[in-house]
Structure formats: C-alpha cells, structure tokens
Amino acid sequence: MNVDKKDKEILELLIKNARISVAEISRQVHLARTTVQERIARLESKNIIKGYTTIVSHFDEPSYLTAMVGLSVETKAFDQLVATLQAIPEVTRCLATSGGYDLCLEVYVSNINKLEEVLAMLGTLKGVNKTDSNIVLNSYFQR
C-alpha cells in the first residue's frame, strides 16, 4: 500500500496523540474531515494503523518492576516459542532483535521473587538457549 505525504502527516499526529480528534487532524493537514476519516479507515484496514492503546506507567506502582530479557533462540523453534511467550501474562512485549539475542522481552512482575520465577520458567522453554535480564530502573519517556 502506498502511504503518501498526507497519510504520513496523519500518522505523525496520531503517534503524538492517539486521542486527537478527526476535526483537529483535518485542520492541521488541510483536508476535509470526511477525507481524513476515509484515510484513517484505509490505514486501519491495511494494518498500517494496528490499533490504539493506553500506556499506563508501571512506575507508579512502587512494588512492581519491569525487566528486559534477552533470549537466544533456536531458529527451528522460533515461531512456536513466540506463540508460547504470547500466552505468558508477565511478558508484555516481544521484539525480534539483531545482535547478541534473537528476542527481547519486556517482563512486568509484582516483585523480585516473581521475576526470578518467570526467568526460571523462560530458561526451560523449548528452543531457548540462553537468557539475560536487566531490571528497568526508570522510564523517561515512551511514544
């Protein structure tokens, strides 16, 4: 699908503020409201816009913690492993990466004991060769 300059402008506005009104977008990109609505609907139907989300700060809960976990994975087990990870509620994000690890997971847990439990379980999953974890101390911004 071709994404033209106006589509990119609309996407940039939605990335900055997913709650921006169609009327405000139309004012800023100089298009009619119905045209903006049609463009957004097309971007959604083509899966360019995959959804809208609310980002909740985990740092407001002092007893909770976030860890970034790198996984080295056997290639033949990759797809099944990703499906397995998706079913683990503490894994809130799964990213394919280059470098030392194949996957980077964001893990959100209630305490350090729960993190230890999740890390032990991740290490036993079929196809996982190695894990490495880092506890997030703070998050300065998220887009």
N, C-alpha and C. Protein backbone atom coordinates (compact mmCIF):
# COMPACT_ATOMS: atom_id res chain seq x y z
N MET A 1 0.84 -1.19 0.00
CA MET A 1 0.00 0.00 0.00
C MET A 1 0.88 1.24 0.00
N ASN A 2 0.51 2.20 -0.80
CA ASN A 2 1.25 3.45 -0.84
C ASN A 2 0.77 4.36 0.28
N VAL A 3 1.72 4.89 1.00
CA VAL A 3 1.44 5.87 2.05
C VAL A 3 2.00 7.19 1.54
N ASP A 4 1.11 8.13 1.24
CA ASP A 4 1.57 9.40 0.69
C ASP A 4 1.89 10.40 1.80
N LYS A 5 2.26 11.61 1.39
CA LYS A 5 2.68 12.64 2.35
C LYS A 5 1.57 12.97 3.35
N LYS A 6 0.34 13.07 2.90
CA LYS A 6 -0.78 13.40 3.80
C LYS A 6 -1.03 12.25 4.79
N ASP A 7 -0.92 11.00 4.31
CA ASP A 7 -1.06 9.86 5.22
C ASP A 7 0.01 9.93 6.31
N LYS A 8 1.23 10.25 5.91
CA LYS A 8 2.33 10.35 6.88
C LYS A 8 2.08 11.45 7.90
N GLU A 9 1.54 12.57 7.44
CA GLU A 9 1.20 13.66 8.36
C GLU A 9 0.14 13.20 9.36
N ILE A 10 -0.88 12.50 8.87
CA ILE A 10 -1.94 11.98 9.75
C ILE A 10 -1.34 11.00 10.75
N LEU A 11 -0.49 10.10 10.29
CA LEU A 11 0.15 9.12 11.18
C LEU A 11 0.99 9.80 12.26
N GLU A 12 1.74 10.83 11.86
CA GLU A 12 2.57 11.55 12.84
C GLU A 12 1.71 12.18 13.93
N LEU A 13 0.59 12.75 13.54
CA LEU A 13 -0.31 13.36 14.53
C LEU A 13 -0.89 12.30 15.46
N LEU A 14 -1.28 11.15 14.90
CA LEU A 14 -1.84 10.07 15.73
C LEU A 14 -0.78 9.46 16.64
N ILE A 15 0.46 9.39 16.18
CA ILE A 15 1.54 8.87 17.03
C ILE A 15 1.76 9.80 18.22
N LYS A 16 1.72 11.09 17.98
CA LYS A 16 1.90 12.06 19.06
C LYS A 16 0.74 12.04 20.04
N ASN A 17 -0.49 11.83 19.51
CA ASN A 17 -1.67 11.86 20.36
C ASN A 17 -2.77 11.03 19.70
N ALA A 18 -2.93 9.78 20.13
CA ALA A 18 -3.92 8.89 19.54
C ALA A 18 -5.35 9.36 19.79
N ARG A 19 -5.52 10.30 20.72
CA ARG A 19 -6.86 10.79 21.03
C ARG A 19 -7.22 12.08 20.30
N ILE A 20 -6.34 12.52 19.42
CA ILE A 20 -6.62 13.74 18.66
C ILE A 20 -7.89 13.54 17.83
N SER A 21 -8.69 14.58 17.74
CA SER A 21 -9.96 14.46 17.00
C SER A 21 -9.70 14.52 15.50
N VAL A 22 -10.61 13.92 14.76
CA VAL A 22 -10.54 13.97 13.30
C VAL A 22 -10.62 15.42 12.83
N ALA A 23 -11.42 16.22 13.50
CA ALA A 23 -11.55 17.63 13.14
C ALA A 23 -10.21 18.35 13.29
N GLU A 24 -9.49 18.06 14.38
CA GLU A 24 -8.19 18.70 14.60
C GLU A 24 -7.17 18.22 13.57
N ILE A 25 -7.20 16.93 13.26
CA ILE A 25 -6.30 16.40 12.22
C ILE A 25 -6.58 17.10 10.90
N SER A 26 -7.87 17.21 10.55
CA SER A 26 -8.23 17.83 9.27
C SER A 26 -7.74 19.28 9.20
N ARG A 27 -7.82 20.00 10.31
CA ARG A 27 -7.31 21.38 10.34
C ARG A 27 -5.80 21.41 10.11
N GLN A 28 -5.09 20.49 10.77
CA GLN A 28 -3.63 20.53 10.69
C GLN A 28 -3.07 20.03 9.37
N VAL A 29 -3.76 19.12 8.71
CA VAL A 29 -3.25 18.59 7.43
C VAL A 29 -3.96 19.21 6.22
N HIS A 30 -4.91 20.11 6.49
CA HIS A 30 -5.62 20.85 5.45
C HIS A 30 -6.38 19.94 4.49
N LEU A 31 -7.15 19.01 5.09
CA LEU A 31 -8.03 18.13 4.33
C LEU A 31 -9.41 18.15 4.99
N ALA A 32 -10.42 17.82 4.22
CA ALA A 32 -11.78 17.74 4.76
C ALA A 32 -11.86 16.61 5.79
N ARG A 33 -12.75 16.79 6.77
CA ARG A 33 -12.93 15.77 7.82
C ARG A 33 -13.24 14.39 7.24
N THR A 34 -14.14 14.33 6.27
CA THR A 34 -14.50 13.04 5.69
C THR A 34 -13.31 12.40 4.99
N THR A 35 -12.48 13.20 4.37
CA THR A 35 -11.28 12.68 3.71
C THR A 35 -10.32 12.09 4.75
N VAL A 36 -10.16 12.80 5.86
CA VAL A 36 -9.29 12.29 6.94
C VAL A 36 -9.86 10.99 7.49
N GLN A 37 -11.18 10.94 7.73
CA GLN A 37 -11.81 9.72 8.23
C GLN A 37 -11.59 8.56 7.27
N GLU A 38 -11.74 8.81 5.98
CA GLU A 38 -11.52 7.77 4.97
C GLU A 38 -10.07 7.30 4.96
N ARG A 39 -9.14 8.24 5.07
CA ARG A 39 -7.72 7.88 5.08
C ARG A 39 -7.38 7.05 6.32
N ILE A 40 -7.89 7.44 7.47
CA ILE A 40 -7.65 6.68 8.70
C ILE A 40 -8.25 5.28 8.58
N ALA A 41 -9.46 5.19 8.07
CA ALA A 41 -10.10 3.87 7.88
C ALA A 41 -9.28 3.00 6.94
N ARG A 42 -8.74 3.59 5.87
CA ARG A 42 -7.92 2.83 4.92
C ARG A 42 -6.62 2.37 5.58
N LEU A 43 -5.99 3.26 6.35
CA LEU A 43 -4.76 2.89 7.06
C LEU A 43 -5.02 1.77 8.08
N GLU A 44 -6.19 1.81 8.72
CA GLU A 44 -6.56 0.74 9.65
C GLU A 44 -6.80 -0.57 8.90
N SER A 45 -7.55 -0.50 7.80
CA SER A 45 -7.88 -1.73 7.06
C SER A 45 -6.66 -2.38 6.45
N LYS A 46 -5.65 -1.60 6.12
CA LYS A 46 -4.40 -2.12 5.54
C LYS A 46 -3.39 -2.48 6.63
N ASN A 47 -3.81 -2.37 7.89
CA ASN A 47 -2.98 -2.73 9.05
C ASN A 47 -1.73 -1.85 9.19
N ILE A 48 -1.79 -0.64 8.61
CA ILE A 48 -0.74 0.35 8.86
C ILE A 48 -0.95 0.88 10.27
N ILE A 49 -2.19 1.19 10.60
CA ILE A 49 -2.56 1.51 11.98
C ILE A 49 -3.08 0.20 12.57
N LYS A 50 -2.35 -0.35 13.52
CA LYS A 50 -2.70 -1.65 14.08
C LYS A 50 -3.62 -1.54 15.28
N GLY A 51 -3.76 -0.36 15.84
CA GLY A 51 -4.64 -0.19 16.98
C GLY A 51 -4.29 1.07 17.74
N TYR A 52 -5.05 1.31 18.75
CA TYR A 52 -4.86 2.47 19.63
C TYR A 52 -4.74 1.90 21.03
N THR A 53 -3.91 2.51 21.84
CA THR A 53 -3.65 1.92 23.15
C THR A 53 -3.53 2.98 24.23
N THR A 54 -3.73 2.55 25.44
CA THR A 54 -3.48 3.38 26.60
C THR A 54 -2.19 2.89 27.23
N ILE A 55 -1.26 3.80 27.46
CA ILE A 55 0.01 3.43 28.08
C ILE A 55 -0.06 3.81 29.54
N VAL A 56 0.05 2.84 30.41
CA VAL A 56 -0.02 3.05 31.84
C VAL A 56 1.39 2.99 32.41
N SER A 57 1.73 3.95 33.22
CA SER A 57 3.06 3.97 33.81
C SER A 57 3.17 2.91 34.90
N HIS A 58 4.05 1.97 34.70
CA HIS A 58 4.29 0.94 35.72
C HIS A 58 5.05 1.51 36.91
N PHE A 59 5.64 2.67 36.73
CA PHE A 59 6.48 3.23 37.78
C PHE A 59 5.68 3.90 38.88
N ASP A 60 4.36 3.97 38.71
CA ASP A 60 3.50 4.50 39.76
C ASP A 60 3.21 3.43 40.82
N GLU A 61 3.54 2.19 40.53
CA GLU A 61 3.37 1.08 41.46
C GLU A 61 4.74 0.71 42.00
N PRO A 62 5.10 1.21 43.17
CA PRO A 62 6.47 1.02 43.66
C PRO A 62 6.87 -0.44 43.87
N SER A 63 5.92 -1.33 44.09
CA SER A 63 6.30 -2.72 44.33
C SER A 63 6.45 -3.51 43.04
N TYR A 64 6.00 -2.96 41.91
CA TYR A 64 6.10 -3.66 40.63
C TYR A 64 7.42 -3.32 39.96
N LEU A 65 7.88 -4.23 39.10
CA LEU A 65 9.09 -3.93 38.36
C LEU A 65 9.01 -4.47 36.95
N THR A 66 9.80 -3.85 36.10
CA THR A 66 9.89 -4.24 34.69
C THR A 66 11.31 -4.70 34.43
N ALA A 67 11.43 -5.75 33.66
CA ALA A 67 12.75 -6.24 33.25
C ALA A 67 12.75 -6.44 31.75
N MET A 68 13.90 -6.20 31.15
CA MET A 68 14.10 -6.51 29.74
C MET A 68 14.90 -7.80 29.71
N VAL A 69 14.39 -8.79 28.98
CA VAL A 69 15.02 -10.11 28.97
C VAL A 69 15.39 -10.47 27.53
N GLY A 70 16.68 -10.71 27.32
CA GLY A 70 17.15 -11.14 26.02
C GLY A 70 17.12 -12.66 25.95
N LEU A 71 16.65 -13.19 24.81
CA LEU A 71 16.61 -14.64 24.60
C LEU A 71 17.40 -15.00 23.36
N SER A 72 18.28 -15.96 23.48
CA SER A 72 18.92 -16.58 22.34
C SER A 72 18.10 -17.81 22.01
N VAL A 73 17.66 -17.93 20.74
CA VAL A 73 16.64 -18.91 20.38
C VAL A 73 17.11 -19.79 19.22
N GLU A 74 16.75 -21.07 19.28
CA GLU A 74 16.99 -21.98 18.16
C GLU A 74 16.04 -21.59 17.02
N THR A 75 16.58 -21.45 15.82
CA THR A 75 15.80 -21.00 14.67
C THR A 75 14.57 -21.86 14.43
N LYS A 76 14.72 -23.17 14.52
CA LYS A 76 13.59 -24.06 14.20
C LYS A 76 12.46 -23.96 15.23
N ALA A 77 12.75 -23.44 16.41
CA ALA A 77 11.73 -23.34 17.46
C ALA A 77 11.14 -21.94 17.56
N PHE A 78 11.57 -21.03 16.71
CA PHE A 78 11.23 -19.61 16.85
C PHE A 78 9.72 -19.35 16.88
N ASP A 79 9.00 -19.79 15.87
CA ASP A 79 7.55 -19.50 15.78
C ASP A 79 6.77 -20.08 16.95
N GLN A 80 7.07 -21.31 17.31
CA GLN A 80 6.37 -21.94 18.44
C GLN A 80 6.70 -21.23 19.74
N LEU A 81 7.95 -20.81 19.89
CA LEU A 81 8.36 -20.10 21.10
C LEU A 81 7.62 -18.77 21.22
N VAL A 82 7.51 -18.03 20.13
CA VAL A 82 6.79 -16.75 20.17
C VAL A 82 5.34 -16.98 20.58
N ALA A 83 4.71 -18.02 20.06
CA ALA A 83 3.33 -18.34 20.45
C ALA A 83 3.24 -18.68 21.94
N THR A 84 4.22 -19.41 22.44
CA THR A 84 4.25 -19.76 23.86
C THR A 84 4.43 -18.50 24.71
N LEU A 85 5.32 -17.61 24.29
CA LEU A 85 5.57 -16.37 25.03
C LEU A 85 4.33 -15.49 25.08
N GLN A 86 3.57 -15.50 24.01
CA GLN A 86 2.37 -14.68 23.95
C GLN A 86 1.35 -15.10 25.02
N ALA A 87 1.39 -16.33 25.43
CA ALA A 87 0.45 -16.85 26.44
C ALA A 87 0.91 -16.57 27.87
N ILE A 88 2.09 -16.02 28.06
CA ILE A 88 2.61 -15.74 29.40
C ILE A 88 2.23 -14.31 29.77
N PRO A 89 1.36 -14.12 30.75
CA PRO A 89 0.84 -12.78 31.03
C PRO A 89 1.90 -11.78 31.48
N GLU A 90 2.96 -12.24 32.09
CA GLU A 90 4.01 -11.32 32.56
C GLU A 90 4.85 -10.77 31.40
N VAL A 91 4.81 -11.44 30.25
CA VAL A 91 5.54 -10.96 29.08
C VAL A 91 4.62 -9.97 28.37
N THR A 92 4.95 -8.68 28.49
CA THR A 92 4.07 -7.64 27.96
C THR A 92 4.47 -7.18 26.56
N ARG A 93 5.68 -7.58 26.14
CA ARG A 93 6.16 -7.19 24.82
C ARG A 93 7.21 -8.17 24.36
N CYS A 94 7.24 -8.46 23.07
CA CYS A 94 8.22 -9.37 22.49
C CYS A 94 8.72 -8.77 21.19
N LEU A 95 10.02 -8.50 21.13
CA LEU A 95 10.62 -7.85 19.98
C LEU A 95 11.69 -8.74 19.37
N ALA A 96 11.71 -8.85 18.05
CA ALA A 96 12.82 -9.53 17.36
C ALA A 96 13.96 -8.52 17.27
N THR A 97 15.18 -8.97 17.58
CA THR A 97 16.31 -8.05 17.61
C THR A 97 17.51 -8.61 16.86
N SER A 98 18.41 -7.74 16.50
CA SER A 98 19.69 -8.15 15.95
C SER A 98 20.71 -8.05 17.08
N GLY A 99 21.86 -8.62 16.90
CA GLY A 99 22.88 -8.54 17.94
C GLY A 99 22.99 -9.83 18.72
N GLY A 100 23.25 -9.70 19.99
CA GLY A 100 23.52 -10.86 20.84
C GLY A 100 22.32 -11.75 21.13
N TYR A 101 21.11 -11.23 20.98
CA TYR A 101 19.91 -12.01 21.29
C TYR A 101 18.93 -11.93 20.14
N ASP A 102 18.13 -12.96 19.99
CA ASP A 102 17.14 -13.02 18.92
C ASP A 102 15.85 -12.30 19.30
N LEU A 103 15.50 -12.38 20.58
CA LEU A 103 14.28 -11.75 21.07
C LEU A 103 14.61 -10.91 22.29
N CYS A 104 13.87 -9.82 22.44
CA CYS A 104 13.95 -9.01 23.66
C CYS A 104 12.53 -8.95 24.22
N LEU A 105 12.38 -9.37 25.45
CA LEU A 105 11.07 -9.39 26.10
C LEU A 105 10.99 -8.28 27.14
N GLU A 106 9.83 -7.68 27.24
CA GLU A 106 9.53 -6.80 28.36
C GLU A 106 8.70 -7.63 29.32
N VAL A 107 9.17 -7.76 30.54
CA VAL A 107 8.51 -8.59 31.55
C VAL A 107 8.09 -7.68 32.69
N TYR A 108 6.83 -7.76 33.07
CA TYR A 108 6.27 -6.92 34.13
C TYR A 108 5.78 -7.83 35.25
N VAL A 109 6.36 -7.66 36.44
CA VAL A 109 6.04 -8.55 37.57
C VAL A 109 5.82 -7.76 38.85
N SER A 110 5.20 -8.43 39.82
CA SER A 110 4.84 -7.77 41.06
C SER A 110 5.99 -7.63 42.05
N ASN A 111 7.00 -8.50 41.92
CA ASN A 111 8.13 -8.41 42.86
C ASN A 111 9.32 -9.21 42.32
N ILE A 112 10.43 -9.11 42.99
CA ILE A 112 11.66 -9.76 42.52
C ILE A 112 11.54 -11.28 42.55
N ASN A 113 10.79 -11.83 43.49
CA ASN A 113 10.59 -13.28 43.54
C ASN A 113 9.82 -13.77 42.32
N LYS A 114 8.82 -12.99 41.91
CA LYS A 114 8.06 -13.35 40.72
C LYS A 114 8.94 -13.26 39.48
N LEU A 115 9.81 -12.26 39.43
CA LEU A 115 10.75 -12.15 38.31
C LEU A 115 11.64 -13.38 38.25
N GLU A 116 12.16 -13.80 39.39
CA GLU A 116 13.02 -14.99 39.42
C GLU A 116 12.26 -16.22 38.91
N GLU A 117 11.01 -16.34 39.30
CA GLU A 117 10.16 -17.45 38.85
C GLU A 117 9.95 -17.42 37.33
N VAL A 118 9.64 -16.23 36.80
CA VAL A 118 9.42 -16.09 35.36
C VAL A 118 10.72 -16.37 34.60
N LEU A 119 11.84 -15.86 35.08
CA LEU A 119 13.12 -16.10 34.41
C LEU A 119 13.47 -17.58 34.40
N ALA A 120 13.23 -18.26 35.50
CA ALA A 120 13.50 -19.71 35.56
C ALA A 120 12.63 -20.44 34.54
N MET A 121 11.36 -20.06 34.46
CA MET A 121 10.45 -20.69 33.51
C MET A 121 10.87 -20.42 32.07
N LEU A 122 11.27 -19.17 31.77
CA LEU A 122 11.70 -18.84 30.42
C LEU A 122 12.91 -19.67 29.99
N GLY A 123 13.81 -19.90 30.93
CA GLY A 123 15.00 -20.68 30.64
C GLY A 123 14.73 -22.13 30.32
N THR A 124 13.56 -22.63 30.72
CA THR A 124 13.22 -24.04 30.46
C THR A 124 12.40 -24.23 29.19
N LEU A 125 11.99 -23.15 28.55
CA LEU A 125 11.15 -23.27 27.35
C LEU A 125 11.93 -23.90 26.20
N LYS A 126 11.24 -24.74 25.46
CA LYS A 126 11.86 -25.42 24.31
C LYS A 126 12.32 -24.38 23.29
N GLY A 127 13.59 -24.46 22.92
CA GLY A 127 14.16 -23.56 21.93
C GLY A 127 14.93 -22.40 22.50
N VAL A 128 14.85 -22.19 23.82
CA VAL A 128 15.62 -21.11 24.45
C VAL A 128 17.00 -21.64 24.81
N ASN A 129 18.03 -21.03 24.23
CA ASN A 129 19.40 -21.44 24.53
C ASN A 129 20.02 -20.65 25.67
N LYS A 130 19.64 -19.37 25.78
CA LYS A 130 20.28 -18.50 26.76
C LYS A 130 19.35 -17.33 27.08
N THR A 131 19.38 -16.88 28.31
CA THR A 131 18.63 -15.69 28.71
C THR A 131 19.57 -14.70 29.38
N ASP A 132 19.19 -13.44 29.32
CA ASP A 132 19.92 -12.38 30.01
C ASP A 132 18.89 -11.35 30.42
N SER A 133 18.94 -10.90 31.65
CA SER A 133 17.91 -9.97 32.11
C SER A 133 18.52 -8.69 32.68
N ASN A 134 17.78 -7.62 32.51
CA ASN A 134 18.13 -6.31 33.05
C ASN A 134 16.88 -5.71 33.67
N ILE A 135 16.98 -5.27 34.90
CA ILE A 135 15.84 -4.64 35.57
C ILE A 135 15.81 -3.17 35.17
N VAL A 136 14.63 -2.70 34.78
CA VAL A 136 14.45 -1.30 34.39
C VAL A 136 14.34 -0.46 35.66
N LEU A 137 15.19 0.55 35.77
CA LEU A 137 15.17 1.42 36.94
C LEU A 137 14.20 2.59 36.78
N ASN A 138 14.11 3.11 35.55
CA ASN A 138 13.22 4.23 35.30
C ASN A 138 12.92 4.30 33.82
N SER A 139 11.82 4.94 33.46
CA SER A 139 11.47 5.20 32.08
C SER A 139 11.27 6.69 31.94
N TYR A 140 12.04 7.32 31.06
CA TYR A 140 11.98 8.76 30.94
C TYR A 140 10.94 9.22 29.93
N PHE A 141 10.66 8.42 28.93
CA PHE A 141 9.56 8.73 28.01
C PHE A 141 9.21 7.49 27.21
N GLN A 142 8.01 7.51 26.66
CA GLN A 142 7.53 6.44 25.78
C GLN A 142 6.60 7.07 24.78
N ARG A 143 6.76 6.74 23.53
CA ARG A 143 5.89 7.29 22.49
C ARG A 143 4.84 6.28 22.11
